Amino acid sequence: MEHVFAVLDAMGLGAGGIDFLLASGASFLLIFAAEIGDKSQLVCMVLAARHRALPVMVGSVSAFIVLNTLAVVFGAAIANWIPEAMVYGVVAVLFLIFGVQAMRVEAEPDRECATPPSGHGIFWATFALIFVAEFGDKTQLAVVGLSSTSIPLAVWIGATAALIVTSGLGIWAGCTVLQRIPITVLHRISGVFFIVLALFAAVQTWRVLA
């Protein structure tokens, strides 16, 4: 442990590295608690239940890495890059498209886990859904606040690690649920879930514009 602290000291990351470790730990706990049961984790769950887990995991983690990097590097200004109404509008359209597609998919026998035609396709779909849904969300704003009052790199590491864990838990839950629920029912459930999120985002868009 002394060697770890020495390396952190050499990097200028706090006396003995303790500040760095505390900042990382605090960020991990805060973001983990905020994301449990949040929409991004539920999105990972329903996507993993219908598609291969790996591209869903890579897509969600990639989106969170980009979001956290933007939060740490650019701070609160990221929330003003895109009008709030536009963000909600794009979220509503994306969720509606995925909801309708899910409702139209027929059951396919002899499959333990629904497999998309292309791993690249589901990667980009997951990336887009998570990125747009979480842009300017409470989690990203929490990272902004933490990085402005603590060690930015430590905050980034802690927050990213927490989001990787919560995404992994959501994906695991999705594949577990699939083993107990008929694929047709699962498609309907995921379709309804996305459509409900689309309606919620549409209401938020209307409130911002009103």
N, C-alpha and C. Protein backbone atom coordinates (compact mmCIF):
# COMPACT_ATOMS: atom_id res chain seq x y z
N MET A 1 0.83 -1.20 0.00
CA MET A 1 0.00 0.00 0.00
C MET A 1 0.87 1.26 0.00
N GLU A 2 2.02 1.20 0.72
CA GLU A 2 2.91 2.36 0.75
C GLU A 2 3.41 2.70 -0.65
N HIS A 3 3.65 1.66 -1.46
CA HIS A 3 4.11 1.90 -2.82
C HIS A 3 3.03 2.61 -3.63
N VAL A 4 1.78 2.22 -3.41
CA VAL A 4 0.67 2.87 -4.11
C VAL A 4 0.61 4.34 -3.74
N PHE A 5 0.71 4.64 -2.43
CA PHE A 5 0.67 6.02 -1.99
C PHE A 5 1.84 6.82 -2.57
N ALA A 6 3.02 6.17 -2.66
CA ALA A 6 4.19 6.85 -3.20
C ALA A 6 3.97 7.23 -4.66
N VAL A 7 3.39 6.32 -5.42
CA VAL A 7 3.10 6.60 -6.83
C VAL A 7 2.11 7.74 -6.95
N LEU A 8 1.05 7.69 -6.13
CA LEU A 8 0.04 8.75 -6.16
C LEU A 8 0.63 10.08 -5.75
N ASP A 9 1.53 10.06 -4.77
CA ASP A 9 2.21 11.29 -4.35
C ASP A 9 3.02 11.87 -5.50
N ALA A 10 3.73 10.99 -6.21
CA ALA A 10 4.55 11.44 -7.33
C ALA A 10 3.70 12.06 -8.43
N MET A 11 2.45 11.62 -8.54
CA MET A 11 1.54 12.16 -9.55
C MET A 11 0.84 13.43 -9.06
N GLY A 12 1.12 13.82 -7.82
CA GLY A 12 0.49 15.01 -7.28
C GLY A 12 -0.98 14.84 -6.99
N LEU A 13 -1.35 13.66 -6.55
CA LEU A 13 -2.77 13.36 -6.35
C LEU A 13 -3.16 13.35 -4.87
N GLY A 14 -2.51 14.14 -4.06
CA GLY A 14 -2.92 14.23 -2.67
C GLY A 14 -1.89 13.63 -1.73
N ALA A 15 -1.86 14.12 -0.49
CA ALA A 15 -0.89 13.67 0.49
C ALA A 15 -1.04 12.18 0.73
N GLY A 16 0.03 11.46 0.39
CA GLY A 16 0.02 10.02 0.61
C GLY A 16 -1.01 9.28 -0.21
N GLY A 17 -1.65 9.96 -1.14
CA GLY A 17 -2.66 9.32 -1.97
C GLY A 17 -3.99 9.11 -1.26
N ILE A 18 -4.05 9.50 0.02
CA ILE A 18 -5.28 9.26 0.78
C ILE A 18 -6.43 10.09 0.22
N ASP A 19 -6.14 11.35 -0.11
CA ASP A 19 -7.18 12.21 -0.67
C ASP A 19 -7.74 11.62 -1.96
N PHE A 20 -6.84 11.08 -2.77
CA PHE A 20 -7.25 10.49 -4.05
C PHE A 20 -8.16 9.29 -3.81
N LEU A 21 -7.76 8.42 -2.90
CA LEU A 21 -8.55 7.22 -2.62
C LEU A 21 -9.90 7.58 -2.00
N LEU A 22 -9.91 8.55 -1.11
CA LEU A 22 -11.16 8.97 -0.50
C LEU A 22 -12.11 9.58 -1.53
N ALA A 23 -11.55 10.38 -2.44
CA ALA A 23 -12.38 11.00 -3.47
C ALA A 23 -12.96 9.94 -4.40
N SER A 24 -12.14 8.96 -4.76
CA SER A 24 -12.62 7.88 -5.63
C SER A 24 -13.71 7.07 -4.94
N GLY A 25 -13.47 6.74 -3.67
CA GLY A 25 -14.45 5.96 -2.93
C GLY A 25 -15.76 6.69 -2.74
N ALA A 26 -15.68 7.97 -2.41
CA ALA A 26 -16.89 8.76 -2.22
C ALA A 26 -17.68 8.88 -3.52
N SER A 27 -16.96 9.09 -4.62
CA SER A 27 -17.62 9.19 -5.92
C SER A 27 -18.29 7.88 -6.29
N PHE A 28 -17.59 6.78 -6.04
CA PHE A 28 -18.16 5.46 -6.35
C PHE A 28 -19.46 5.24 -5.58
N LEU A 29 -19.44 5.48 -4.28
CA LEU A 29 -20.61 5.23 -3.45
C LEU A 29 -21.78 6.12 -3.84
N LEU A 30 -21.50 7.39 -4.09
CA LEU A 30 -22.57 8.33 -4.44
C LEU A 30 -23.22 7.97 -5.76
N ILE A 31 -22.40 7.73 -6.79
CA ILE A 31 -22.94 7.43 -8.11
C ILE A 31 -23.61 6.06 -8.13
N PHE A 32 -23.04 5.10 -7.43
CA PHE A 32 -23.64 3.76 -7.36
C PHE A 32 -25.04 3.85 -6.76
N ALA A 33 -25.17 4.58 -5.65
CA ALA A 33 -26.47 4.72 -4.99
C ALA A 33 -27.47 5.44 -5.89
N ALA A 34 -26.98 6.44 -6.63
CA ALA A 34 -27.88 7.22 -7.49
C ALA A 34 -28.37 6.41 -8.69
N GLU A 35 -27.56 5.46 -9.16
CA GLU A 35 -27.89 4.73 -10.39
C GLU A 35 -28.67 3.44 -10.16
N ILE A 36 -28.71 2.95 -8.93
CA ILE A 36 -29.46 1.72 -8.67
C ILE A 36 -30.94 1.96 -8.95
N GLY A 37 -31.48 1.21 -9.90
CA GLY A 37 -32.88 1.37 -10.26
C GLY A 37 -33.16 2.54 -11.17
N ASP A 38 -32.11 3.27 -11.58
CA ASP A 38 -32.31 4.42 -12.47
C ASP A 38 -32.61 3.93 -13.89
N LYS A 39 -33.08 4.84 -14.73
CA LYS A 39 -33.52 4.44 -16.08
C LYS A 39 -32.40 3.83 -16.91
N SER A 40 -31.16 4.31 -16.73
CA SER A 40 -30.06 3.76 -17.53
C SER A 40 -29.81 2.29 -17.18
N GLN A 41 -29.93 1.95 -15.90
CA GLN A 41 -29.76 0.56 -15.50
C GLN A 41 -30.90 -0.30 -16.02
N LEU A 42 -32.11 0.24 -16.01
CA LEU A 42 -33.26 -0.49 -16.55
C LEU A 42 -33.14 -0.67 -18.06
N VAL A 43 -32.60 0.35 -18.74
CA VAL A 43 -32.38 0.23 -20.19
C VAL A 43 -31.41 -0.92 -20.47
N CYS A 44 -30.31 -0.97 -19.70
CA CYS A 44 -29.34 -2.07 -19.87
C CYS A 44 -30.01 -3.41 -19.63
N MET A 45 -30.89 -3.48 -18.65
CA MET A 45 -31.54 -4.73 -18.31
C MET A 45 -32.42 -5.23 -19.46
N VAL A 46 -33.28 -4.35 -20.00
CA VAL A 46 -34.20 -4.80 -21.03
C VAL A 46 -33.47 -5.06 -22.35
N LEU A 47 -32.40 -4.31 -22.64
CA LEU A 47 -31.64 -4.57 -23.86
C LEU A 47 -30.90 -5.90 -23.76
N ALA A 48 -30.30 -6.16 -22.59
CA ALA A 48 -29.57 -7.42 -22.41
C ALA A 48 -30.50 -8.61 -22.43
N ALA A 49 -31.76 -8.40 -22.04
CA ALA A 49 -32.72 -9.50 -22.05
C ALA A 49 -33.10 -9.89 -23.47
N ARG A 50 -32.93 -8.97 -24.42
CA ARG A 50 -33.33 -9.23 -25.80
C ARG A 50 -32.14 -9.39 -26.74
N HIS A 51 -30.97 -8.97 -26.31
CA HIS A 51 -29.80 -9.00 -27.18
C HIS A 51 -28.60 -9.60 -26.45
N ARG A 52 -27.51 -9.79 -27.18
CA ARG A 52 -26.30 -10.32 -26.56
C ARG A 52 -25.76 -9.32 -25.54
N ALA A 53 -25.26 -9.86 -24.43
CA ALA A 53 -24.84 -9.01 -23.32
C ALA A 53 -23.61 -8.17 -23.64
N LEU A 54 -22.65 -8.72 -24.39
CA LEU A 54 -21.38 -8.03 -24.59
C LEU A 54 -21.53 -6.68 -25.28
N PRO A 55 -22.20 -6.59 -26.45
CA PRO A 55 -22.33 -5.27 -27.08
C PRO A 55 -23.15 -4.29 -26.25
N VAL A 56 -24.10 -4.79 -25.46
CA VAL A 56 -24.86 -3.91 -24.57
C VAL A 56 -23.93 -3.34 -23.50
N MET A 57 -23.10 -4.20 -22.92
CA MET A 57 -22.18 -3.77 -21.88
C MET A 57 -21.17 -2.77 -22.43
N VAL A 58 -20.57 -3.10 -23.57
CA VAL A 58 -19.56 -2.21 -24.15
C VAL A 58 -20.18 -0.88 -24.55
N GLY A 59 -21.38 -0.92 -25.11
CA GLY A 59 -22.05 0.31 -25.51
C GLY A 59 -22.37 1.20 -24.33
N SER A 60 -22.90 0.62 -23.26
CA SER A 60 -23.26 1.42 -22.08
C SER A 60 -22.02 1.97 -21.39
N VAL A 61 -20.99 1.15 -21.24
CA VAL A 61 -19.76 1.61 -20.59
C VAL A 61 -19.11 2.72 -21.41
N SER A 62 -19.09 2.56 -22.73
CA SER A 62 -18.51 3.60 -23.59
C SER A 62 -19.24 4.92 -23.44
N ALA A 63 -20.57 4.84 -23.39
CA ALA A 63 -21.37 6.06 -23.23
C ALA A 63 -21.06 6.74 -21.90
N PHE A 64 -20.96 5.95 -20.84
CA PHE A 64 -20.69 6.53 -19.52
C PHE A 64 -19.28 7.11 -19.45
N ILE A 65 -18.32 6.48 -20.12
CA ILE A 65 -16.96 7.01 -20.14
C ILE A 65 -16.94 8.39 -20.79
N VAL A 66 -17.63 8.50 -21.93
CA VAL A 66 -17.69 9.79 -22.63
C VAL A 66 -18.41 10.83 -21.77
N LEU A 67 -19.54 10.45 -21.18
CA LEU A 67 -20.31 11.38 -20.36
C LEU A 67 -19.51 11.86 -19.15
N ASN A 68 -18.82 10.95 -18.48
CA ASN A 68 -18.03 11.34 -17.31
C ASN A 68 -16.84 12.19 -17.70
N THR A 69 -16.24 11.90 -18.85
CA THR A 69 -15.13 12.71 -19.32
C THR A 69 -15.59 14.14 -19.61
N LEU A 70 -16.73 14.26 -20.27
CA LEU A 70 -17.28 15.59 -20.54
C LEU A 70 -17.57 16.32 -19.23
N ALA A 71 -18.12 15.60 -18.26
CA ALA A 71 -18.47 16.22 -16.98
C ALA A 71 -17.23 16.73 -16.26
N VAL A 72 -16.17 15.93 -16.25
CA VAL A 72 -14.95 16.30 -15.53
C VAL A 72 -14.19 17.40 -16.26
N VAL A 73 -14.12 17.32 -17.58
CA VAL A 73 -13.31 18.27 -18.35
C VAL A 73 -14.00 19.61 -18.51
N PHE A 74 -15.29 19.58 -18.82
CA PHE A 74 -15.97 20.82 -19.16
C PHE A 74 -16.89 21.34 -18.06
N GLY A 75 -17.10 20.55 -17.01
CA GLY A 75 -17.89 21.04 -15.90
C GLY A 75 -19.34 21.31 -16.24
N ALA A 76 -19.93 22.25 -15.52
CA ALA A 76 -21.36 22.51 -15.65
C ALA A 76 -21.75 23.03 -17.03
N ALA A 77 -20.79 23.49 -17.82
CA ALA A 77 -21.11 24.03 -19.14
C ALA A 77 -21.75 22.99 -20.05
N ILE A 78 -21.52 21.70 -19.80
CA ILE A 78 -22.07 20.67 -20.67
C ILE A 78 -23.59 20.69 -20.67
N ALA A 79 -24.17 21.11 -19.54
CA ALA A 79 -25.63 21.11 -19.45
C ALA A 79 -26.25 22.16 -20.35
N ASN A 80 -25.43 23.11 -20.81
CA ASN A 80 -25.95 24.20 -21.65
C ASN A 80 -25.61 24.03 -23.12
N TRP A 81 -24.95 22.94 -23.47
CA TRP A 81 -24.57 22.73 -24.87
C TRP A 81 -25.78 22.56 -25.77
N ILE A 82 -26.73 21.78 -25.29
CA ILE A 82 -27.92 21.48 -26.09
C ILE A 82 -29.14 21.93 -25.29
N PRO A 83 -30.09 22.61 -25.93
CA PRO A 83 -31.31 23.02 -25.23
C PRO A 83 -31.99 21.83 -24.56
N GLU A 84 -32.48 22.04 -23.35
CA GLU A 84 -33.09 20.96 -22.59
C GLU A 84 -34.25 20.32 -23.34
N ALA A 85 -35.05 21.15 -24.00
CA ALA A 85 -36.20 20.61 -24.74
C ALA A 85 -35.75 19.68 -25.86
N MET A 86 -34.63 20.02 -26.52
CA MET A 86 -34.12 19.18 -27.60
C MET A 86 -33.65 17.83 -27.06
N VAL A 87 -32.99 17.86 -25.90
CA VAL A 87 -32.52 16.61 -25.29
C VAL A 87 -33.69 15.69 -25.00
N TYR A 88 -34.71 16.22 -24.33
CA TYR A 88 -35.89 15.41 -24.02
C TYR A 88 -36.59 14.93 -25.28
N GLY A 89 -36.63 15.78 -26.30
CA GLY A 89 -37.28 15.39 -27.54
C GLY A 89 -36.58 14.23 -28.22
N VAL A 90 -35.26 14.29 -28.27
CA VAL A 90 -34.49 13.20 -28.88
C VAL A 90 -34.66 11.92 -28.08
N VAL A 91 -34.65 12.03 -26.75
CA VAL A 91 -34.86 10.86 -25.89
C VAL A 91 -36.22 10.23 -26.18
N ALA A 92 -37.25 11.07 -26.30
CA ALA A 92 -38.60 10.56 -26.56
C ALA A 92 -38.66 9.79 -27.88
N VAL A 93 -38.04 10.35 -28.92
CA VAL A 93 -38.05 9.70 -30.23
C VAL A 93 -37.31 8.37 -30.19
N LEU A 94 -36.12 8.35 -29.59
CA LEU A 94 -35.33 7.12 -29.52
C LEU A 94 -36.07 6.03 -28.76
N PHE A 95 -36.60 6.37 -27.60
CA PHE A 95 -37.32 5.38 -26.80
C PHE A 95 -38.57 4.89 -27.52
N LEU A 96 -39.26 5.78 -28.21
CA LEU A 96 -40.46 5.38 -28.94
C LEU A 96 -40.12 4.40 -30.05
N ILE A 97 -39.03 4.67 -30.79
CA ILE A 97 -38.61 3.78 -31.87
C ILE A 97 -38.29 2.39 -31.33
N PHE A 98 -37.51 2.34 -30.25
CA PHE A 98 -37.14 1.05 -29.67
C PHE A 98 -38.36 0.34 -29.09
N GLY A 99 -39.28 1.10 -28.52
CA GLY A 99 -40.49 0.49 -27.98
C GLY A 99 -41.34 -0.15 -29.05
N VAL A 100 -41.54 0.56 -30.16
CA VAL A 100 -42.35 0.03 -31.26
C VAL A 100 -41.67 -1.19 -31.87
N GLN A 101 -40.33 -1.12 -32.05
CA GLN A 101 -39.61 -2.26 -32.60
C GLN A 101 -39.74 -3.48 -31.70
N ALA A 102 -39.64 -3.27 -30.40
CA ALA A 102 -39.74 -4.39 -29.46
C ALA A 102 -41.12 -5.02 -29.50
N MET A 103 -42.15 -4.22 -29.62
CA MET A 103 -43.52 -4.74 -29.66
C MET A 103 -43.79 -5.54 -30.92
N ARG A 104 -43.05 -5.25 -31.99
CA ARG A 104 -43.29 -5.90 -33.27
C ARG A 104 -42.46 -7.16 -33.47
N VAL A 105 -41.46 -7.39 -32.61
CA VAL A 105 -40.59 -8.56 -32.76
C VAL A 105 -41.34 -9.81 -32.34
N GLU A 106 -41.30 -10.83 -33.19
CA GLU A 106 -41.96 -12.10 -32.88
C GLU A 106 -41.02 -13.00 -32.10
N ALA A 107 -41.60 -13.95 -31.41
CA ALA A 107 -40.80 -14.90 -30.64
C ALA A 107 -39.99 -15.78 -31.57
N GLU A 108 -38.76 -16.07 -31.16
CA GLU A 108 -37.89 -16.95 -31.93
C GLU A 108 -37.52 -18.14 -31.05
N PRO A 109 -37.86 -19.35 -31.42
CA PRO A 109 -37.60 -20.53 -30.59
C PRO A 109 -36.12 -20.88 -30.54
N ASP A 110 -35.81 -21.72 -29.54
CA ASP A 110 -34.47 -22.27 -29.39
C ASP A 110 -33.41 -21.20 -29.22
N ARG A 111 -33.76 -20.17 -28.46
CA ARG A 111 -32.78 -19.13 -28.19
C ARG A 111 -32.78 -18.85 -26.70
N GLU A 112 -31.59 -18.93 -26.09
CA GLU A 112 -31.49 -18.63 -24.68
C GLU A 112 -31.39 -17.13 -24.46
N CYS A 113 -30.91 -16.44 -25.46
CA CYS A 113 -30.79 -15.00 -25.34
C CYS A 113 -30.95 -14.43 -26.73
N ALA A 114 -31.82 -13.45 -26.88
CA ALA A 114 -32.09 -12.89 -28.20
C ALA A 114 -30.83 -12.28 -28.77
N THR A 115 -30.53 -12.57 -30.03
CA THR A 115 -29.31 -12.11 -30.65
C THR A 115 -29.62 -11.14 -31.79
N PRO A 116 -29.08 -9.95 -31.75
CA PRO A 116 -29.33 -8.99 -32.80
C PRO A 116 -28.59 -9.36 -34.06
N PRO A 117 -29.00 -8.88 -35.24
CA PRO A 117 -28.30 -9.18 -36.48
C PRO A 117 -26.85 -8.74 -36.45
N SER A 118 -26.56 -7.66 -35.74
CA SER A 118 -25.21 -7.13 -35.72
C SER A 118 -24.85 -6.65 -34.33
N GLY A 119 -23.67 -7.09 -33.86
CA GLY A 119 -23.19 -6.61 -32.57
C GLY A 119 -22.90 -5.13 -32.61
N HIS A 120 -22.42 -4.65 -33.78
CA HIS A 120 -22.15 -3.22 -33.93
C HIS A 120 -23.44 -2.42 -33.81
N GLY A 121 -24.51 -2.96 -34.37
CA GLY A 121 -25.78 -2.26 -34.33
C GLY A 121 -26.29 -2.06 -32.91
N ILE A 122 -26.26 -3.13 -32.10
CA ILE A 122 -26.77 -3.01 -30.74
C ILE A 122 -25.81 -2.19 -29.88
N PHE A 123 -24.51 -2.23 -30.21
CA PHE A 123 -23.55 -1.36 -29.50
C PHE A 123 -23.92 0.10 -29.68
N TRP A 124 -24.11 0.50 -30.94
CA TRP A 124 -24.42 1.91 -31.20
C TRP A 124 -25.79 2.28 -30.68
N ALA A 125 -26.74 1.35 -30.73
CA ALA A 125 -28.07 1.62 -30.20
C ALA A 125 -28.00 1.85 -28.68
N THR A 126 -27.26 0.99 -27.99
CA THR A 126 -27.10 1.14 -26.55
C THR A 126 -26.37 2.44 -26.22
N PHE A 127 -25.30 2.71 -26.96
CA PHE A 127 -24.53 3.94 -26.73
C PHE A 127 -25.41 5.17 -26.88
N ALA A 128 -26.20 5.20 -27.96
CA ALA A 128 -27.06 6.36 -28.22
C ALA A 128 -28.12 6.53 -27.14
N LEU A 129 -28.77 5.42 -26.76
CA LEU A 129 -29.81 5.49 -25.74
C LEU A 129 -29.26 5.99 -24.40
N ILE A 130 -28.15 5.42 -23.97
CA ILE A 130 -27.57 5.81 -22.68
C ILE A 130 -27.05 7.24 -22.73
N PHE A 131 -26.34 7.58 -23.81
CA PHE A 131 -25.74 8.91 -23.90
C PHE A 131 -26.79 10.01 -23.89
N VAL A 132 -27.80 9.86 -24.73
CA VAL A 132 -28.82 10.91 -24.82
C VAL A 132 -29.67 10.95 -23.55
N ALA A 133 -30.00 9.78 -23.00
CA ALA A 133 -30.84 9.75 -21.81
C ALA A 133 -30.13 10.32 -20.59
N GLU A 134 -28.81 10.14 -20.50
CA GLU A 134 -28.07 10.57 -19.32
C GLU A 134 -27.39 11.92 -19.48
N PHE A 135 -27.43 12.50 -20.69
CA PHE A 135 -26.77 13.79 -20.91
C PHE A 135 -27.49 14.86 -20.08
N GLY A 136 -26.76 15.47 -19.15
CA GLY A 136 -27.35 16.48 -18.30
C GLY A 136 -28.22 15.92 -17.18
N ASP A 137 -28.22 14.58 -17.02
CA ASP A 137 -29.02 13.94 -15.97
C ASP A 137 -28.36 14.17 -14.62
N LYS A 138 -29.08 13.79 -13.55
CA LYS A 138 -28.59 14.04 -12.20
C LYS A 138 -27.24 13.38 -11.95
N THR A 139 -27.00 12.22 -12.57
CA THR A 139 -25.73 11.53 -12.36
C THR A 139 -24.58 12.32 -12.95
N GLN A 140 -24.76 12.82 -14.18
CA GLN A 140 -23.69 13.60 -14.79
C GLN A 140 -23.47 14.91 -14.04
N LEU A 141 -24.55 15.53 -13.59
CA LEU A 141 -24.41 16.77 -12.82
C LEU A 141 -23.73 16.51 -11.48
N ALA A 142 -23.96 15.32 -10.91
CA ALA A 142 -23.27 14.97 -9.67
C ALA A 142 -21.77 14.85 -9.91
N VAL A 143 -21.40 14.26 -11.05
CA VAL A 143 -19.98 14.16 -11.40
C VAL A 143 -19.39 15.55 -11.59
N VAL A 144 -20.15 16.45 -12.21
CA VAL A 144 -19.71 17.83 -12.39
C VAL A 144 -19.42 18.46 -11.03
N GLY A 145 -20.37 18.32 -10.11
CA GLY A 145 -20.20 18.92 -8.79
C GLY A 145 -19.03 18.34 -8.02
N LEU A 146 -18.89 17.02 -8.07
CA LEU A 146 -17.79 16.37 -7.37
C LEU A 146 -16.44 16.77 -7.93
N SER A 147 -16.33 16.83 -9.25
CA SER A 147 -15.05 17.15 -9.87
C SER A 147 -14.65 18.60 -9.64
N SER A 148 -15.63 19.46 -9.37
CA SER A 148 -15.31 20.87 -9.14
C SER A 148 -14.83 21.12 -7.71
N THR A 149 -15.08 20.18 -6.82
CA THR A 149 -14.69 20.35 -5.42
C THR A 149 -13.69 19.30 -4.95
N SER A 150 -13.33 18.37 -5.82
CA SER A 150 -12.43 17.30 -5.42
C SER A 150 -11.40 17.07 -6.52
N ILE A 151 -10.73 15.93 -6.48
CA ILE A 151 -9.71 15.60 -7.48
C ILE A 151 -10.41 15.04 -8.71
N PRO A 152 -10.35 15.74 -9.85
CA PRO A 152 -11.11 15.32 -11.04
C PRO A 152 -10.85 13.88 -11.48
N LEU A 153 -9.58 13.47 -11.54
CA LEU A 153 -9.27 12.12 -11.98
C LEU A 153 -9.85 11.08 -11.03
N ALA A 154 -9.77 11.35 -9.74
CA ALA A 154 -10.33 10.43 -8.75
C ALA A 154 -11.84 10.33 -8.89
N VAL A 155 -12.49 11.45 -9.12
CA VAL A 155 -13.94 11.46 -9.32
C VAL A 155 -14.30 10.66 -10.57
N TRP A 156 -13.54 10.86 -11.64
CA TRP A 156 -13.81 10.15 -12.90
C TRP A 156 -13.68 8.64 -12.70
N ILE A 157 -12.61 8.22 -12.02
CA ILE A 157 -12.40 6.78 -11.80
C ILE A 157 -13.52 6.20 -10.94
N GLY A 158 -13.86 6.86 -9.84
CA GLY A 158 -14.90 6.35 -8.96
C GLY A 158 -16.26 6.30 -9.63
N ALA A 159 -16.61 7.38 -10.33
CA ALA A 159 -17.92 7.44 -10.99
C ALA A 159 -18.02 6.41 -12.11
N THR A 160 -16.96 6.30 -12.91
CA THR A 160 -16.98 5.35 -14.03
C THR A 160 -17.05 3.92 -13.52
N ALA A 161 -16.31 3.62 -12.47
CA ALA A 161 -16.35 2.27 -11.89
C ALA A 161 -17.76 1.96 -11.38
N ALA A 162 -18.40 2.93 -10.74
CA ALA A 162 -19.75 2.70 -10.23
C ALA A 162 -20.73 2.43 -11.36
N LEU A 163 -20.62 3.18 -12.45
CA LEU A 163 -21.53 3.01 -13.57
C LEU A 163 -21.29 1.69 -14.30
N ILE A 164 -20.04 1.24 -14.34
CA ILE A 164 -19.74 -0.06 -14.92
C ILE A 164 -20.41 -1.17 -14.09
N VAL A 165 -20.31 -1.05 -12.77
CA VAL A 165 -20.91 -2.05 -11.89
C VAL A 165 -22.43 -2.07 -12.03
N THR A 166 -23.06 -0.88 -12.01
CA THR A 166 -24.52 -0.85 -12.11
C THR A 166 -25.01 -1.33 -13.47
N SER A 167 -24.25 -1.01 -14.53
CA SER A 167 -24.62 -1.51 -15.85
C SER A 167 -24.51 -3.02 -15.90
N GLY A 168 -23.42 -3.55 -15.33
CA GLY A 168 -23.24 -4.99 -15.29
C GLY A 168 -24.34 -5.70 -14.52
N LEU A 169 -24.76 -5.10 -13.41
CA LEU A 169 -25.86 -5.69 -12.63
C LEU A 169 -27.16 -5.69 -13.43
N GLY A 170 -27.39 -4.60 -14.15
CA GLY A 170 -28.60 -4.53 -14.98
C GLY A 170 -28.59 -5.57 -16.08
N ILE A 171 -27.44 -5.73 -16.72
CA ILE A 171 -27.32 -6.71 -17.80
C ILE A 171 -27.48 -8.13 -17.25
N TRP A 172 -26.86 -8.39 -16.12
CA TRP A 172 -27.01 -9.72 -15.49
C TRP A 172 -28.47 -9.99 -15.16
N ALA A 173 -29.15 -8.99 -14.62
CA ALA A 173 -30.57 -9.16 -14.29
C ALA A 173 -31.39 -9.42 -15.54
N GLY A 174 -31.05 -8.74 -16.64
CA GLY A 174 -31.78 -8.94 -17.88
C GLY A 174 -31.66 -10.36 -18.40
N CYS A 175 -30.46 -10.90 -18.40
CA CYS A 175 -30.27 -12.27 -18.88
C CYS A 175 -30.89 -13.28 -17.91
N THR A 176 -30.92 -12.96 -16.64
CA THR A 176 -31.54 -13.85 -15.66
C THR A 176 -33.05 -13.88 -15.83
N VAL A 177 -33.63 -12.70 -16.03
CA VAL A 177 -35.08 -12.59 -16.23
C VAL A 177 -35.50 -13.38 -17.46
N LEU A 178 -34.67 -13.33 -18.50
CA LEU A 178 -35.00 -13.99 -19.76
C LEU A 178 -35.16 -15.50 -19.59
N GLN A 179 -34.44 -16.07 -18.63
CA GLN A 179 -34.52 -17.51 -18.41
C GLN A 179 -35.87 -17.92 -17.81
N ARG A 180 -36.61 -16.96 -17.26
CA ARG A 180 -37.86 -17.29 -16.57
C ARG A 180 -39.09 -16.76 -17.29
N ILE A 181 -38.91 -15.86 -18.25
CA ILE A 181 -40.04 -15.25 -18.93
C ILE A 181 -39.99 -15.61 -20.41
N PRO A 182 -41.11 -16.04 -21.00
CA PRO A 182 -41.14 -16.34 -22.43
C PRO A 182 -40.68 -15.14 -23.25
N ILE A 183 -39.96 -15.40 -24.33
CA ILE A 183 -39.37 -14.33 -25.12
C ILE A 183 -40.43 -13.37 -25.66
N THR A 184 -41.60 -13.90 -26.04
CA THR A 184 -42.66 -13.03 -26.55
C THR A 184 -43.13 -12.05 -25.48
N VAL A 185 -43.32 -12.55 -24.27
CA VAL A 185 -43.74 -11.69 -23.17
C VAL A 185 -42.67 -10.65 -22.87
N LEU A 186 -41.41 -11.09 -22.93
CA LEU A 186 -40.30 -10.18 -22.66
C LEU A 186 -40.26 -9.04 -23.67
N HIS A 187 -40.48 -9.36 -24.95
CA HIS A 187 -40.52 -8.32 -25.97
C HIS A 187 -41.60 -7.30 -25.65
N ARG A 188 -42.76 -7.80 -25.24
CA ARG A 188 -43.87 -6.90 -24.93
C ARG A 188 -43.53 -6.02 -23.73
N ILE A 189 -42.94 -6.62 -22.71
CA ILE A 189 -42.58 -5.86 -21.51
C ILE A 189 -41.57 -4.76 -21.85
N SER A 190 -40.52 -5.13 -22.60
CA SER A 190 -39.51 -4.14 -22.95
C SER A 190 -40.10 -3.06 -23.85
N GLY A 191 -41.01 -3.45 -24.74
CA GLY A 191 -41.65 -2.47 -25.61
C GLY A 191 -42.46 -1.46 -24.82
N VAL A 192 -43.25 -1.96 -23.87
CA VAL A 192 -44.04 -1.07 -23.01
C VAL A 192 -43.13 -0.16 -22.19
N PHE A 193 -42.03 -0.73 -21.69
CA PHE A 193 -41.08 0.05 -20.89
C PHE A 193 -40.53 1.23 -21.69
N PHE A 194 -40.07 0.97 -22.91
CA PHE A 194 -39.52 2.04 -23.73
C PHE A 194 -40.58 3.07 -24.11
N ILE A 195 -41.79 2.63 -24.39
CA ILE A 195 -42.85 3.56 -24.76
C ILE A 195 -43.22 4.45 -23.57
N VAL A 196 -43.25 3.88 -22.37
CA VAL A 196 -43.53 4.68 -21.17
C VAL A 196 -42.44 5.74 -20.98
N LEU A 197 -41.18 5.34 -21.16
CA LEU A 197 -40.09 6.31 -21.06
C LEU A 197 -40.22 7.39 -22.12
N ALA A 198 -40.65 7.00 -23.33
CA ALA A 198 -40.84 7.97 -24.40
C ALA A 198 -41.93 8.98 -24.03
N LEU A 199 -43.02 8.49 -23.45
CA LEU A 199 -44.10 9.39 -23.04
C LEU A 199 -43.63 10.33 -21.94
N PHE A 200 -42.86 9.80 -21.00
CA PHE A 200 -42.33 10.64 -19.92
C PHE A 200 -41.43 11.74 -20.49
N ALA A 201 -40.55 11.37 -21.43
CA ALA A 201 -39.67 12.35 -22.04
C ALA A 201 -40.46 13.38 -22.84
N ALA A 202 -41.53 12.94 -23.50
CA ALA A 202 -42.37 13.87 -24.26
C ALA A 202 -43.04 14.88 -23.33
N VAL A 203 -43.50 14.41 -22.17
CA VAL A 203 -44.11 15.32 -21.19
C VAL A 203 -43.08 16.33 -20.69
N GLN A 204 -41.86 15.86 -20.44
CA GLN A 204 -40.80 16.76 -20.01
C GLN A 204 -40.50 17.81 -21.08
N THR A 205 -40.52 17.39 -22.34
CA THR A 205 -40.30 18.33 -23.44
C THR A 205 -41.38 19.40 -23.45
N TRP A 206 -42.63 18.98 -23.29
CA TRP A 206 -43.75 19.92 -23.28
C TRP A 206 -43.64 20.91 -22.12
N ARG A 207 -43.21 20.41 -20.95
CA ARG A 207 -43.08 21.29 -19.78
C ARG A 207 -41.99 22.33 -19.99
N VAL A 208 -40.90 21.92 -20.63
CA VAL A 208 -39.81 22.87 -20.88
C VAL A 208 -40.24 23.95 -21.86
N LEU A 209 -40.98 23.54 -22.88
CA LEU A 209 -41.40 24.48 -23.92
C LEU A 209 -42.57 25.36 -23.47
N ALA A 210 -43.36 24.86 -22.51
CA ALA A 210 -44.56 25.60 -22.08
C ALA A 210 -44.19 26.86 -21.31
